[in-house]
């Protein structure tokens, strides 16, 4: 038995990054009133897993200003090819239904923030 041990649990507000597919692409991304960050990834991609926590952080930090989604390129290859995604991870910023910027590769959070901030 541990004496003097304390367990502290603090619930944090979580902004979950939801998947988007061909079926809901138009309504969720192209018709969004907020700018949208879309992370193009695949489960087998190591660099994609590296930036996954960064995308989650951005979703929390920019909540109310930016919406974040993920596209599994194995499950929705037509979306990836429509926007010229040839390498993953690729993060694309959309605003007013148009592709505004793309960042390719596992980049630092600061690089993604710089790209996002241009469109807020």
PDB file of N, CA and C in Angstrom:
ATOM      1  N   UNK A   1       0.835  -1.178   0.000  1.00  0.00           N
ATOM      2  CA  UNK A   1       0.000   0.000   0.000  1.00  0.00           C
ATOM      3  C   UNK A   1       0.887   1.251   0.000  1.00  0.00           C
ATOM      4  N   UNK A   2       0.547   2.189  -0.862  1.00  0.00           N
ATOM      5  CA  UNK A   2       1.299   3.422  -0.948  1.00  0.00           C
ATOM      6  C   UNK A   2       0.719   4.454   0.003  1.00  0.00           C
ATOM      7  N   UNK A   3       1.589   5.094   0.740  1.00  0.00           N
ATOM      8  CA  UNK A   3       1.124   6.145   1.648  1.00  0.00           C
ATOM      9  C   UNK A   3       1.474   7.497   1.063  1.00  0.00           C
ATOM     10  N   UNK A   4       0.543   8.379   1.167  1.00  0.00           N
ATOM     11  CA  UNK A   4       0.786   9.732   0.680  1.00  0.00           C
ATOM     12  C   UNK A   4       0.694   9.868  -0.833  1.00  0.00           C
ATOM     13  N   UNK A   5       0.349   8.793  -1.502  1.00  0.00           N
ATOM     14  CA  UNK A   5       0.225   8.881  -2.962  1.00  0.00           C
ATOM     15  C   UNK A   5      -1.111   9.516  -3.318  1.00  0.00           C
ATOM     16  N   UNK A   6      -1.073  10.385  -4.325  1.00  0.00           N
ATOM     17  CA  UNK A   6      -2.309  11.024  -4.773  1.00  0.00           C
ATOM     18  C   UNK A   6      -2.512  10.706  -6.245  1.00  0.00           C
ATOM     19  N   UNK A   7      -3.742  10.533  -6.608  1.00  0.00           N
ATOM     20  CA  UNK A   7      -4.077  10.371  -8.016  1.00  0.00           C
ATOM     21  C   UNK A   7      -4.873  11.593  -8.425  1.00  0.00           C
ATOM     22  N   UNK A   8      -4.361  12.295  -9.410  1.00  0.00           N
ATOM     23  CA  UNK A   8      -5.041  13.489  -9.888  1.00  0.00           C
ATOM     24  C   UNK A   8      -5.478  13.229 -11.314  1.00  0.00           C
ATOM     25  N   UNK A   9      -6.741  13.410 -11.562  1.00  0.00           N
ATOM     26  CA  UNK A   9      -7.274  13.206 -12.901  1.00  0.00           C
ATOM     27  C   UNK A   9      -7.954  14.491 -13.342  1.00  0.00           C
ATOM     28  N   UNK A  10      -7.456  15.050 -14.398  1.00  0.00           N
ATOM     29  CA  UNK A  10      -8.077  16.258 -14.922  1.00  0.00           C
ATOM     30  C   UNK A  10      -8.560  15.970 -16.337  1.00  0.00           C
ATOM     31  N   UNK A  11      -9.846  16.087 -16.539  1.00  0.00           N
ATOM     32  CA  UNK A  11     -10.394  15.874 -17.876  1.00  0.00           C
ATOM     33  C   UNK A  11     -10.069  17.104 -18.719  1.00  0.00           C
ATOM     34  N   UNK A  12      -9.581  16.848 -19.910  1.00  0.00           N
ATOM     35  CA  UNK A  12      -9.290  17.938 -20.820  1.00  0.00           C
ATOM     36  C   UNK A  12     -10.298  17.907 -21.953  1.00  0.00           C
ATOM     37  N   UNK A  13     -10.637  19.087 -22.421  1.00  0.00           N
ATOM     38  CA  UNK A  13     -11.562  19.166 -23.547  1.00  0.00           C
ATOM     39  C   UNK A  13     -10.851  18.608 -24.772  1.00  0.00           C
ATOM     40  N   UNK A  14     -11.482  17.668 -25.418  1.00  0.00           N
ATOM     41  CA  UNK A  14     -10.857  17.013 -26.563  1.00  0.00           C
ATOM     42  C   UNK A  14     -11.588  17.406 -27.834  1.00  0.00           C
ATOM     43  N   UNK A  15     -10.836  17.902 -28.788  1.00  0.00           N
ATOM     44  CA  UNK A  15     -11.381  18.168 -30.116  1.00  0.00           C
ATOM     45  C   UNK A  15     -10.913  17.012 -30.988  1.00  0.00           C
ATOM     46  N   UNK A  16     -11.810  16.103 -31.274  1.00  0.00           N
ATOM     47  CA  UNK A  16     -11.431  14.908 -32.011  1.00  0.00           C
ATOM     48  C   UNK A  16     -11.316  15.219 -33.497  1.00  0.00           C
ATOM     49  N   UNK A  17     -10.285  14.671 -34.128  1.00  0.00           N
ATOM     50  CA  UNK A  17     -10.091  14.830 -35.559  1.00  0.00           C
ATOM     51  C   UNK A  17     -10.804  13.661 -36.237  1.00  0.00           C
ATOM     52  N   UNK A  18     -11.907  13.979 -36.879  1.00  0.00           N
ATOM     53  CA  UNK A  18     -12.750  12.945 -37.469  1.00  0.00           C
ATOM     54  C   UNK A  18     -12.337  12.618 -38.902  1.00  0.00           C
ATOM     55  N   UNK A  19     -12.618  11.385 -39.327  1.00  0.00           N
ATOM     56  CA  UNK A  19     -12.329  11.023 -40.713  1.00  0.00           C
ATOM     57  C   UNK A  19     -13.356  11.645 -41.660  1.00  0.00           C
ATOM     58  N   UNK A  20     -12.927  11.927 -42.864  1.00  0.00           N
ATOM     59  CA  UNK A  20     -13.825  12.414 -43.911  1.00  0.00           C
ATOM     60  C   UNK A  20     -13.643  11.489 -45.114  1.00  0.00           C
ATOM     61  N   UNK A  21     -14.731  11.216 -45.813  1.00  0.00           N
ATOM     62  CA  UNK A  21     -14.702  10.294 -46.956  1.00  0.00           C
ATOM     63  C   UNK A  21     -15.319  10.970 -48.179  1.00  0.00           C
ATOM     64  N   UNK A  22     -15.350  10.237 -49.288  1.00  0.00           N
ATOM     65  CA  UNK A  22     -15.971  10.752 -50.512  1.00  0.00           C
ATOM     66  C   UNK A  22     -17.409  11.201 -50.256  1.00  0.00           C
ATOM     67  N   UNK A  23     -18.119  10.444 -49.421  1.00  0.00           N
ATOM     68  CA  UNK A  23     -19.543  10.700 -49.185  1.00  0.00           C
ATOM     69  C   UNK A  23     -19.800  12.041 -48.502  1.00  0.00           C
ATOM     70  N   UNK A  24     -18.912  12.449 -47.579  1.00  0.00           N
ATOM     71  CA  UNK A  24     -19.176  13.690 -46.849  1.00  0.00           C
ATOM     72  C   UNK A  24     -18.164  14.803 -47.129  1.00  0.00           C
ATOM     73  N   UNK A  25     -17.292  14.607 -48.100  1.00  0.00           N
ATOM     74  CA  UNK A  25     -16.268  15.594 -48.451  1.00  0.00           C
ATOM     75  C   UNK A  25     -16.882  16.959 -48.778  1.00  0.00           C
ATOM     76  N   UNK A  26     -17.878  16.967 -49.649  1.00  0.00           N
ATOM     77  CA  UNK A  26     -18.504  18.222 -50.097  1.00  0.00           C
ATOM     78  C   UNK A  26     -19.065  18.998 -48.906  1.00  0.00           C
ATOM     79  N   UNK A  27     -19.855  18.342 -48.073  1.00  0.00           N
ATOM     80  CA  UNK A  27     -20.529  19.049 -46.977  1.00  0.00           C
ATOM     81  C   UNK A  27     -19.566  19.436 -45.851  1.00  0.00           C
ATOM     82  N   UNK A  28     -18.617  18.563 -45.516  1.00  0.00           N
ATOM     83  CA  UNK A  28     -17.735  18.837 -44.378  1.00  0.00           C
ATOM     84  C   UNK A  28     -16.572  19.761 -44.716  1.00  0.00           C
ATOM     85  N   UNK A  29     -16.002  19.608 -45.900  1.00  0.00           N
ATOM     86  CA  UNK A  29     -14.800  20.375 -46.239  1.00  0.00           C
ATOM     87  C   UNK A  29     -15.117  21.558 -47.157  1.00  0.00           C
ATOM     88  N   UNK A  30     -15.712  21.278 -48.304  1.00  0.00           N
ATOM     89  CA  UNK A  30     -15.898  22.334 -49.302  1.00  0.00           C
ATOM     90  C   UNK A  30     -16.959  23.357 -48.912  1.00  0.00           C
ATOM     91  N   UNK A  31     -17.944  22.952 -48.116  1.00  0.00           N
ATOM     92  CA  UNK A  31     -19.001  23.880 -47.720  1.00  0.00           C
ATOM     93  C   UNK A  31     -18.829  24.406 -46.293  1.00  0.00           C
ATOM     94  N   UNK A  32     -17.695  24.143 -45.684  1.00  0.00           N
ATOM     95  CA  UNK A  32     -17.447  24.592 -44.315  1.00  0.00           C
ATOM     96  C   UNK A  32     -17.341  26.114 -44.253  1.00  0.00           C
ATOM     97  N   UNK A  33     -17.932  26.691 -43.208  1.00  0.00           N
ATOM     98  CA  UNK A  33     -17.813  28.133 -43.011  1.00  0.00           C
ATOM     99  C   UNK A  33     -16.449  28.506 -42.447  1.00  0.00           C
ATOM    100  N   UNK A  34     -15.825  27.564 -41.734  1.00  0.00           N
ATOM    101  CA  UNK A  34     -14.492  27.791 -41.181  1.00  0.00           C
ATOM    102  C   UNK A  34     -13.438  27.250 -42.133  1.00  0.00           C
ATOM    103  N   UNK A  35     -12.209  27.744 -42.050  1.00  0.00           N
ATOM    104  CA  UNK A  35     -11.118  27.091 -42.778  1.00  0.00           C
ATOM    105  C   UNK A  35     -11.003  25.642 -42.289  1.00  0.00           C
ATOM    106  N   UNK A  36     -10.524  24.767 -43.159  1.00  0.00           N
ATOM    107  CA  UNK A  36     -10.430  23.344 -42.838  1.00  0.00           C
ATOM    108  C   UNK A  36      -9.014  22.841 -43.097  1.00  0.00           C
ATOM    109  N   UNK A  37      -8.478  22.123 -42.115  1.00  0.00           N
ATOM    110  CA  UNK A  37      -7.194  21.436 -42.270  1.00  0.00           C
ATOM    111  C   UNK A  37      -7.515  19.967 -42.517  1.00  0.00           C
ATOM    112  N   UNK A  38      -6.971  19.403 -43.598  1.00  0.00           N
ATOM    113  CA  UNK A  38      -7.187  17.991 -43.902  1.00  0.00           C
ATOM    114  C   UNK A  38      -5.838  17.282 -43.919  1.00  0.00           C
ATOM    115  N   UNK A  39      -5.729  16.260 -43.088  1.00  0.00           N
ATOM    116  CA  UNK A  39      -4.521  15.441 -42.986  1.00  0.00           C
ATOM    117  C   UNK A  39      -4.725  14.194 -43.846  1.00  0.00           C
ATOM    118  N   UNK A  40      -3.958  14.086 -44.942  1.00  0.00           N
ATOM    119  CA  UNK A  40      -3.995  12.899 -45.801  1.00  0.00           C
ATOM    120  C   UNK A  40      -2.960  11.922 -45.257  1.00  0.00           C
ATOM    121  N   UNK A  41      -3.398  10.710 -44.890  1.00  0.00           N
ATOM    122  CA  UNK A  41      -2.552   9.753 -44.184  1.00  0.00           C
ATOM    123  C   UNK A  41      -2.934   8.322 -44.576  1.00  0.00           C
ATOM    124  N   UNK A  42      -2.175   7.365 -44.065  1.00  0.00           N
ATOM    125  CA  UNK A  42      -2.504   5.941 -44.184  1.00  0.00           C
ATOM    126  C   UNK A  42      -1.980   5.238 -42.933  1.00  0.00           C
ATOM    127  N   UNK A  43      -2.654   4.168 -42.510  1.00  0.00           N
ATOM    128  CA  UNK A  43      -2.270   3.492 -41.264  1.00  0.00           C
ATOM    129  C   UNK A  43      -0.850   2.912 -41.277  1.00  0.00           C
ATOM    130  N   UNK A  44      -0.330   2.573 -42.438  1.00  0.00           N
ATOM    131  CA  UNK A  44       0.994   1.949 -42.543  1.00  0.00           C
ATOM    132  C   UNK A  44       2.125   2.985 -42.610  1.00  0.00           C
ATOM    133  N   UNK A  45       1.791   4.252 -42.616  1.00  0.00           N
ATOM    134  CA  UNK A  45       2.770   5.334 -42.831  1.00  0.00           C
ATOM    135  C   UNK A  45       3.367   5.807 -41.507  1.00  0.00           C
ATOM    136  N   UNK A  46       4.658   5.556 -41.299  1.00  0.00           N
ATOM    137  CA  UNK A  46       5.348   5.975 -40.071  1.00  0.00           C
ATOM    138  C   UNK A  46       5.333   7.478 -39.850  1.00  0.00           C
ATOM    139  N   UNK A  47       5.721   8.292 -40.854  1.00  0.00           N
ATOM    140  CA  UNK A  47       5.677   9.748 -40.667  1.00  0.00           C
ATOM    141  C   UNK A  47       4.265  10.267 -40.375  1.00  0.00           C
ATOM    142  N   UNK A  48       3.246   9.593 -40.913  1.00  0.00           N
ATOM    143  CA  UNK A  48       1.862   9.991 -40.615  1.00  0.00           C
ATOM    144  C   UNK A  48       1.576   9.823 -39.126  1.00  0.00           C
ATOM    145  N   UNK A  49       2.051   8.727 -38.561  1.00  0.00           N
ATOM    146  CA  UNK A  49       1.845   8.488 -37.128  1.00  0.00           C
ATOM    147  C   UNK A  49       2.621   9.502 -36.299  1.00  0.00           C
ATOM    148  N   UNK A  50       3.749   9.993 -36.837  1.00  0.00           N
ATOM    149  CA  UNK A  50       4.547  10.988 -36.113  1.00  0.00           C
ATOM    150  C   UNK A  50       3.800  12.325 -35.982  1.00  0.00           C
ATOM    151  N   UNK A  51       3.088  12.740 -37.036  1.00  0.00           N
ATOM    152  CA  UNK A  51       2.410  14.039 -36.953  1.00  0.00           C
ATOM    153  C   UNK A  51       0.990  13.932 -36.401  1.00  0.00           C
ATOM    154  N   UNK A  52       0.501  12.721 -36.209  1.00  0.00           N
ATOM    155  CA  UNK A  52      -0.858  12.530 -35.704  1.00  0.00           C
ATOM    156  C   UNK A  52      -1.114  13.297 -34.397  1.00  0.00           C
ATOM    157  N   UNK A  53      -0.219  13.205 -33.389  1.00  0.00           N
ATOM    158  CA  UNK A  53      -0.465  13.969 -32.153  1.00  0.00           C
ATOM    159  C   UNK A  53      -0.438  15.481 -32.381  1.00  0.00           C
ATOM    160  N   UNK A  54       0.340  15.935 -33.353  1.00  0.00           N
ATOM    161  CA  UNK A  54       0.409  17.367 -33.661  1.00  0.00           C
ATOM    162  C   UNK A  54      -0.930  17.831 -34.234  1.00  0.00           C
ATOM    163  N   UNK A  55      -1.513  17.029 -35.120  1.00  0.00           N
ATOM    164  CA  UNK A  55      -2.815  17.370 -35.700  1.00  0.00           C
ATOM    165  C   UNK A  55      -3.869  17.440 -34.597  1.00  0.00           C
ATOM    166  N   UNK A  56      -3.806  16.494 -33.648  1.00  0.00           N
ATOM    167  CA  UNK A  56      -4.744  16.508 -32.512  1.00  0.00           C
ATOM    168  C   UNK A  56      -4.589  17.786 -31.681  1.00  0.00           C
ATOM    169  N   UNK A  57      -3.345  18.206 -31.447  1.00  0.00           N
ATOM    170  CA  UNK A  57      -3.080  19.441 -30.691  1.00  0.00           C
ATOM    171  C   UNK A  57      -3.639  20.650 -31.437  1.00  0.00           C
ATOM    172  N   UNK A  58      -3.419  20.688 -32.746  1.00  0.00           N
ATOM    173  CA  UNK A  58      -3.909  21.818 -33.542  1.00  0.00           C
ATOM    174  C   UNK A  58      -5.435  21.890 -33.497  1.00  0.00           C
ATOM    175  N   UNK A  59      -6.086  20.733 -33.541  1.00  0.00           N
ATOM    176  CA  UNK A  59      -7.553  20.695 -33.486  1.00  0.00           C
ATOM    177  C   UNK A  59      -8.043  21.323 -32.182  1.00  0.00           C
ATOM    178  N   UNK A  60      -7.331  21.058 -31.076  1.00  0.00           N
ATOM    179  CA  UNK A  60      -7.704  21.635 -29.783  1.00  0.00           C
ATOM    180  C   UNK A  60      -7.415  23.137 -29.743  1.00  0.00           C
ATOM    181  N   UNK A  61      -6.223  23.507 -30.176  1.00  0.00           N
ATOM    182  CA  UNK A  61      -5.791  24.902 -30.075  1.00  0.00           C
ATOM    183  C   UNK A  61      -6.582  25.844 -30.983  1.00  0.00           C
ATOM    184  N   UNK A  62      -7.007  25.354 -32.136  1.00  0.00           N
ATOM    185  CA  UNK A  62      -7.712  26.200 -33.095  1.00  0.00           C
ATOM    186  C   UNK A  62      -9.216  25.951 -33.093  1.00  0.00           C
ATOM    187  N   UNK A  63      -9.702  25.267 -32.064  1.00  0.00           N
ATOM    188  CA  UNK A  63     -11.135  24.948 -31.993  1.00  0.00           C
ATOM    189  C   UNK A  63     -11.958  26.230 -32.093  1.00  0.00           C
ATOM    190  N   UNK A  64     -12.966  26.207 -32.943  1.00  0.00           N
ATOM    191  CA  UNK A  64     -13.805  27.384 -33.156  1.00  0.00           C
ATOM    192  C   UNK A  64     -13.304  28.291 -34.270  1.00  0.00           C
ATOM    193  N   UNK A  65     -12.034  28.114 -34.677  1.00  0.00           N
ATOM    194  CA  UNK A  65     -11.455  28.927 -35.749  1.00  0.00           C
ATOM    195  C   UNK A  65     -11.129  28.093 -36.981  1.00  0.00           C
ATOM    196  N   UNK A  66     -10.940  26.785 -36.772  1.00  0.00           N
ATOM    197  CA  UNK A  66     -10.484  25.877 -37.826  1.00  0.00           C
ATOM    198  C   UNK A  66     -11.067  24.496 -37.533  1.00  0.00           C
ATOM    199  N   UNK A  67     -11.461  23.792 -38.585  1.00  0.00           N
ATOM    200  CA  UNK A  67     -11.930  22.419 -38.425  1.00  0.00           C
ATOM    201  C   UNK A  67     -10.869  21.488 -38.998  1.00  0.00           C
ATOM    202  N   UNK A  68     -10.611  20.370 -38.307  1.00  0.00           N
ATOM    203  CA  UNK A  68      -9.594  19.423 -38.757  1.00  0.00           C
ATOM    204  C   UNK A  68     -10.232  18.074 -39.091  1.00  0.00           C
ATOM    205  N   UNK A  69      -9.823  17.500 -40.211  1.00  0.00           N
ATOM    206  CA  UNK A  69     -10.279  16.176 -40.625  1.00  0.00           C
ATOM    207  C   UNK A  69      -9.091  15.363 -41.113  1.00  0.00           C
ATOM    208  N   UNK A  70      -9.313  14.043 -41.221  1.00  0.00           N
ATOM    209  CA  UNK A  70      -8.306  13.131 -41.761  1.00  0.00           C
ATOM    210  C   UNK A  70      -8.900  12.385 -42.938  1.00  0.00           C
ATOM    211  N   UNK A  71      -8.086  12.168 -43.959  1.00  0.00           N
ATOM    212  CA  UNK A  71      -8.480  11.333 -45.089  1.00  0.00           C
ATOM    213  C   UNK A  71      -7.508  10.169 -45.158  1.00  0.00           C
ATOM    214  N   UNK A  72      -8.042   8.961 -44.999  1.00  0.00           N
ATOM    215  CA  UNK A  72      -7.239   7.751 -45.174  1.00  0.00           C
ATOM    216  C   UNK A  72      -7.116   7.534 -46.681  1.00  0.00           C
ATOM    217  N   UNK A  73      -5.919   7.711 -47.210  1.00  0.00           N
ATOM    218  CA  UNK A  73      -5.723   7.645 -48.663  1.00  0.00           C
ATOM    219  C   UNK A  73      -5.943   6.239 -49.226  1.00  0.00           C
ATOM    220  N   UNK A  74      -5.857   5.213 -48.374  1.00  0.00           N
ATOM    221  CA  UNK A  74      -6.158   3.855 -48.827  1.00  0.00           C
ATOM    222  C   UNK A  74      -7.661   3.680 -49.040  1.00  0.00           C
ATOM    223  N   UNK A  75      -8.463   4.356 -48.205  1.00  0.00           N
ATOM    224  CA  UNK A  75      -9.916   4.208 -48.273  1.00  0.00           C
ATOM    225  C   UNK A  75     -10.581   5.225 -49.198  1.00  0.00           C
ATOM    226  N   UNK A  76      -9.958   6.370 -49.397  1.00  0.00           N
ATOM    227  CA  UNK A  76     -10.526   7.420 -50.254  1.00  0.00           C
ATOM    228  C   UNK A  76      -9.468   7.951 -51.228  1.00  0.00           C
ATOM    229  N   UNK A  77      -8.971   7.087 -52.121  1.00  0.00           N
ATOM    230  CA  UNK A  77      -7.904   7.526 -53.034  1.00  0.00           C
ATOM    231  C   UNK A  77      -8.348   8.608 -54.021  1.00  0.00           C
ATOM    232  N   UNK A  78      -9.635   8.672 -54.329  1.00  0.00           N
ATOM    233  CA  UNK A  78     -10.080   9.663 -55.318  1.00  0.00           C
ATOM    234  C   UNK A  78      -9.927  11.093 -54.797  1.00  0.00           C
ATOM    235  N   UNK A  79     -10.147  11.295 -53.490  1.00  0.00           N
ATOM    236  CA  UNK A  79      -9.962  12.645 -52.915  1.00  0.00           C
ATOM    237  C   UNK A  79      -8.488  13.022 -53.006  1.00  0.00           C
ATOM    238  N   UNK A  80      -7.618  12.092 -52.640  1.00  0.00           N
ATOM    239  CA  UNK A  80      -6.172  12.368 -52.677  1.00  0.00           C
ATOM    240  C   UNK A  80      -5.722  12.709 -54.097  1.00  0.00           C
ATOM    241  N   UNK A  81      -6.170  11.935 -55.077  1.00  0.00           N
ATOM    242  CA  UNK A  81      -5.722  12.201 -56.449  1.00  0.00           C
ATOM    243  C   UNK A  81      -6.318  13.508 -56.983  1.00  0.00           C
ATOM    244  N   UNK A  82      -7.541  13.845 -56.569  1.00  0.00           N
ATOM    245  CA  UNK A  82      -8.176  15.090 -57.011  1.00  0.00           C
ATOM    246  C   UNK A  82      -7.355  16.310 -56.604  1.00  0.00           C
ATOM    247  N   UNK A  83      -6.670  16.221 -55.449  1.00  0.00           N
ATOM    248  CA  UNK A  83      -5.887  17.358 -54.962  1.00  0.00           C
ATOM    249  C   UNK A  83      -4.383  17.165 -55.120  1.00  0.00           C
ATOM    250  N   UNK A  84      -3.989  16.191 -55.943  1.00  0.00           N
ATOM    251  CA  UNK A  84      -2.583  16.017 -56.272  1.00  0.00           C
ATOM    252  C   UNK A  84      -1.723  15.476 -55.152  1.00  0.00           C
ATOM    253  N   UNK A  85      -2.318  14.740 -54.211  1.00  0.00           N
ATOM    254  CA  UNK A  85      -1.550  14.179 -53.100  1.00  0.00           C
ATOM    255  C   UNK A  85      -0.807  12.949 -53.621  1.00  0.00           C
ATOM    256  N   UNK A  86       0.523  13.062 -53.675  1.00  0.00           N
ATOM    257  CA  UNK A  86       1.349  11.955 -54.163  1.00  0.00           C
ATOM    258  C   UNK A  86       2.228  11.368 -53.073  1.00  0.00           C
ATOM    259  N   UNK A  87       2.320  12.086 -51.973  1.00  0.00           N
ATOM    260  CA  UNK A  87       3.170  11.677 -50.866  1.00  0.00           C
ATOM    261  C   UNK A  87       2.412  11.954 -49.572  1.00  0.00           C
ATOM    262  N   UNK A  88       2.540  11.041 -48.612  1.00  0.00           N
ATOM    263  CA  UNK A  88       1.885  11.261 -47.326  1.00  0.00           C
ATOM    264  C   UNK A  88       2.922  11.214 -46.216  1.00  0.00           C
ATOM    265  N   UNK A  89       2.711  11.936 -45.130  1.00  0.00           N
ATOM    266  CA  UNK A  89       1.546  12.775 -44.885  1.00  0.00           C
ATOM    267  C   UNK A  89       1.568  14.064 -45.695  1.00  0.00           C
ATOM    268  N   UNK A  90       0.395  14.485 -46.122  1.00  0.00           N
ATOM    269  CA  UNK A  90       0.197  15.799 -46.729  1.00  0.00           C
ATOM    270  C   UNK A  90      -0.944  16.465 -45.987  1.00  0.00           C
ATOM    271  N   UNK A  91      -0.725  17.697 -45.571  1.00  0.00           N
ATOM    272  CA  UNK A  91      -1.752  18.485 -44.894  1.00  0.00           C
ATOM    273  C   UNK A  91      -2.148  19.614 -45.837  1.00  0.00           C
ATOM    274  N   UNK A  92      -3.454  19.695 -46.123  1.00  0.00           N
ATOM    275  CA  UNK A  92      -3.953  20.741 -47.018  1.00  0.00           C
ATOM    276  C   UNK A  92      -4.923  21.624 -46.248  1.00  0.00           C
ATOM    277  N   UNK A  93      -4.777  22.931 -46.453  1.00  0.00           N
ATOM    278  CA  UNK A  93      -5.687  23.908 -45.857  1.00  0.00           C
ATOM    279  C   UNK A  93      -6.684  24.336 -46.935  1.00  0.00           C
ATOM    280  N   UNK A  94      -7.959  24.239 -46.595  1.00  0.00           N
ATOM    281  CA  UNK A  94      -9.032  24.683 -47.486  1.00  0.00           C
ATOM    282  C   UNK A  94      -9.738  25.865 -46.851  1.00  0.00           C
ATOM    283  N   UNK A  95     -10.122  26.823 -47.695  1.00  0.00           N
ATOM    284  CA  UNK A  95     -10.932  27.950 -47.221  1.00  0.00           C
ATOM    285  C   UNK A  95     -11.895  28.310 -48.340  1.00  0.00           C
ATOM    286  N   UNK A  96     -13.153  28.494 -47.968  1.00  0.00           N
ATOM    287  CA  UNK A  96     -14.197  28.825 -48.943  1.00  0.00           C
ATOM    288  C   UNK A  96     -14.251  27.802 -50.078  1.00  0.00           C
ATOM    289  N   UNK A  97     -14.039  26.538 -49.733  1.00  0.00           N
ATOM    290  CA  UNK A  97     -14.147  25.460 -50.716  1.00  0.00           C
ATOM    291  C   UNK A  97     -12.958  25.301 -51.646  1.00  0.00           C
ATOM    292  N   UNK A  98     -11.895  26.067 -51.420  1.00  0.00           N
ATOM    293  CA  UNK A  98     -10.722  26.007 -52.304  1.00  0.00           C
ATOM    294  C   UNK A  98      -9.477  25.587 -51.538  1.00  0.00           C
ATOM    295  N   UNK A  99      -8.627  24.823 -52.223  1.00  0.00           N
ATOM    296  CA  UNK A  99      -7.324  24.457 -51.671  1.00  0.00           C
ATOM    297  C   UNK A  99      -6.471  25.718 -51.624  1.00  0.00           C
ATOM    298  N   UNK A 100      -5.983  26.055 -50.431  1.00  0.00           N
ATOM    299  CA  UNK A 100      -5.202  27.278 -50.269  1.00  0.00           C
ATOM    300  C   UNK A 100      -3.716  27.019 -50.060  1.00  0.00           C
ATOM    301  N   UNK A 101      -3.387  25.930 -49.378  1.00  0.00           N
ATOM    302  CA  UNK A 101      -1.984  25.659 -49.058  1.00  0.00           C
ATOM    303  C   UNK A 101      -1.816  24.176 -48.796  1.00  0.00           C
ATOM    304  N   UNK A 102      -0.615  23.671 -49.012  1.00  0.00           N
ATOM    305  CA  UNK A 102      -0.311  22.260 -48.730  1.00  0.00           C
ATOM    306  C   UNK A 102       1.062  22.168 -48.088  1.00  0.00           C
ATOM    307  N   UNK A 103       1.158  21.302 -47.096  1.00  0.00           N
ATOM    308  CA  UNK A 103       2.428  21.034 -46.421  1.00  0.00           C
ATOM    309  C   UNK A 103       2.658  19.531 -46.521  1.00  0.00           C
ATOM    310  N   UNK A 104       3.799  19.156 -47.094  1.00  0.00           N
ATOM    311  CA  UNK A 104       4.083  17.739 -47.334  1.00  0.00           C
ATOM    312  C   UNK A 104       5.158  17.258 -46.374  1.00  0.00           C
ATOM    313  N   UNK A 105       4.914  16.097 -45.774  1.00  0.00           N
ATOM    314  CA  UNK A 105       5.901  15.473 -44.910  1.00  0.00           C
ATOM    315  C   UNK A 105       5.624  15.699 -43.434  1.00  0.00           C
ATOM    316  N   UNK A 106       6.403  15.006 -42.610  1.00  0.00           N
ATOM    317  CA  UNK A 106       6.300  15.146 -41.158  1.00  0.00           C
ATOM    318  C   UNK A 106       7.074  16.391 -40.756  1.00  0.00           C
ATOM    319  N   UNK A 107       6.361  17.491 -40.600  1.00  0.00           N
ATOM    320  CA  UNK A 107       6.979  18.788 -40.322  1.00  0.00           C
ATOM    321  C   UNK A 107       6.714  19.189 -38.873  1.00  0.00           C
ATOM    322  N   UNK A 108       7.485  20.134 -38.350  1.00  0.00           N
ATOM    323  CA  UNK A 108       7.235  20.608 -36.985  1.00  0.00           C
ATOM    324  C   UNK A 108       5.889  21.328 -36.877  1.00  0.00           C
ATOM    325  N   UNK A 109       5.359  21.369 -35.687  1.00  0.00           N
ATOM    326  CA  UNK A 109       4.077  22.034 -35.418  1.00  0.00           C
ATOM    327  C   UNK A 109       4.121  23.491 -35.872  1.00  0.00           C
ATOM    328  N   UNK A 110       5.249  24.150 -35.656  1.00  0.00           N
ATOM    329  CA  UNK A 110       5.372  25.567 -36.014  1.00  0.00           C
ATOM    330  C   UNK A 110       5.140  25.792 -37.511  1.00  0.00           C
ATOM    331  N   UNK A 111       5.571  24.850 -38.332  1.00  0.00           N
ATOM    332  CA  UNK A 111       5.378  24.964 -39.782  1.00  0.00           C
ATOM    333  C   UNK A 111       3.897  24.924 -40.119  1.00  0.00           C
ATOM    334  N   UNK A 112       3.167  24.015 -39.475  1.00  0.00           N
ATOM    335  CA  UNK A 112       1.723  23.915 -39.721  1.00  0.00           C
ATOM    336  C   UNK A 112       0.995  25.152 -39.198  1.00  0.00           C
ATOM    337  N   UNK A 113       1.414  25.650 -38.033  1.00  0.00           N
ATOM    338  CA  UNK A 113       0.785  26.864 -37.479  1.00  0.00           C
ATOM    339  C   UNK A 113       0.957  28.053 -38.406  1.00  0.00           C
ATOM    340  N   UNK A 114       2.134  28.201 -38.976  1.00  0.00           N
ATOM    341  CA  UNK A 114       2.404  29.301 -39.918  1.00  0.00           C
ATOM    342  C   UNK A 114       1.471  29.216 -41.114  1.00  0.00           C
ATOM    343  N   UNK A 115       1.279  28.009 -41.624  1.00  0.00           N
ATOM    344  CA  UNK A 115       0.397  27.814 -42.771  1.00  0.00           C
ATOM    345  C   UNK A 115      -1.056  28.121 -42.389  1.00  0.00           C
ATOM    346  N   UNK A 116      -1.501  27.640 -41.246  1.00  0.00           N
ATOM    347  CA  UNK A 116      -2.877  27.858 -40.785  1.00  0.00           C
ATOM    348  C   UNK A 116      -3.151  29.344 -40.567  1.00  0.00           C
ATOM    349  N   UNK A 117      -2.238  30.008 -39.898  1.00  0.00           N
ATOM    350  CA  UNK A 117      -2.451  31.406 -39.504  1.00  0.00           C
ATOM    351  C   UNK A 117      -2.644  32.347 -40.704  1.00  0.00           C
ATOM    352  N   UNK A 118      -2.133  31.959 -41.869  1.00  0.00           N
ATOM    353  CA  UNK A 118      -2.308  32.782 -43.070  1.00  0.00           C
ATOM    354  C   UNK A 118      -3.768  32.882 -43.499  1.00  0.00           C
ATOM    355  N   UNK A 119      -4.585  31.902 -43.074  1.00  0.00           N
ATOM    356  CA  UNK A 119      -5.952  31.827 -43.586  1.00  0.00           C
ATOM    357  C   UNK A 119      -7.031  32.036 -42.523  1.00  0.00           C
ATOM    358  N   UNK A 120      -6.624  32.468 -41.341  1.00  0.00           N
ATOM    359  CA  UNK A 120      -7.616  32.727 -40.285  1.00  0.00           C
ATOM    360  C   UNK A 120      -8.024  34.179 -40.258  1.00  0.00           C
TER     361      UNK A 120
END
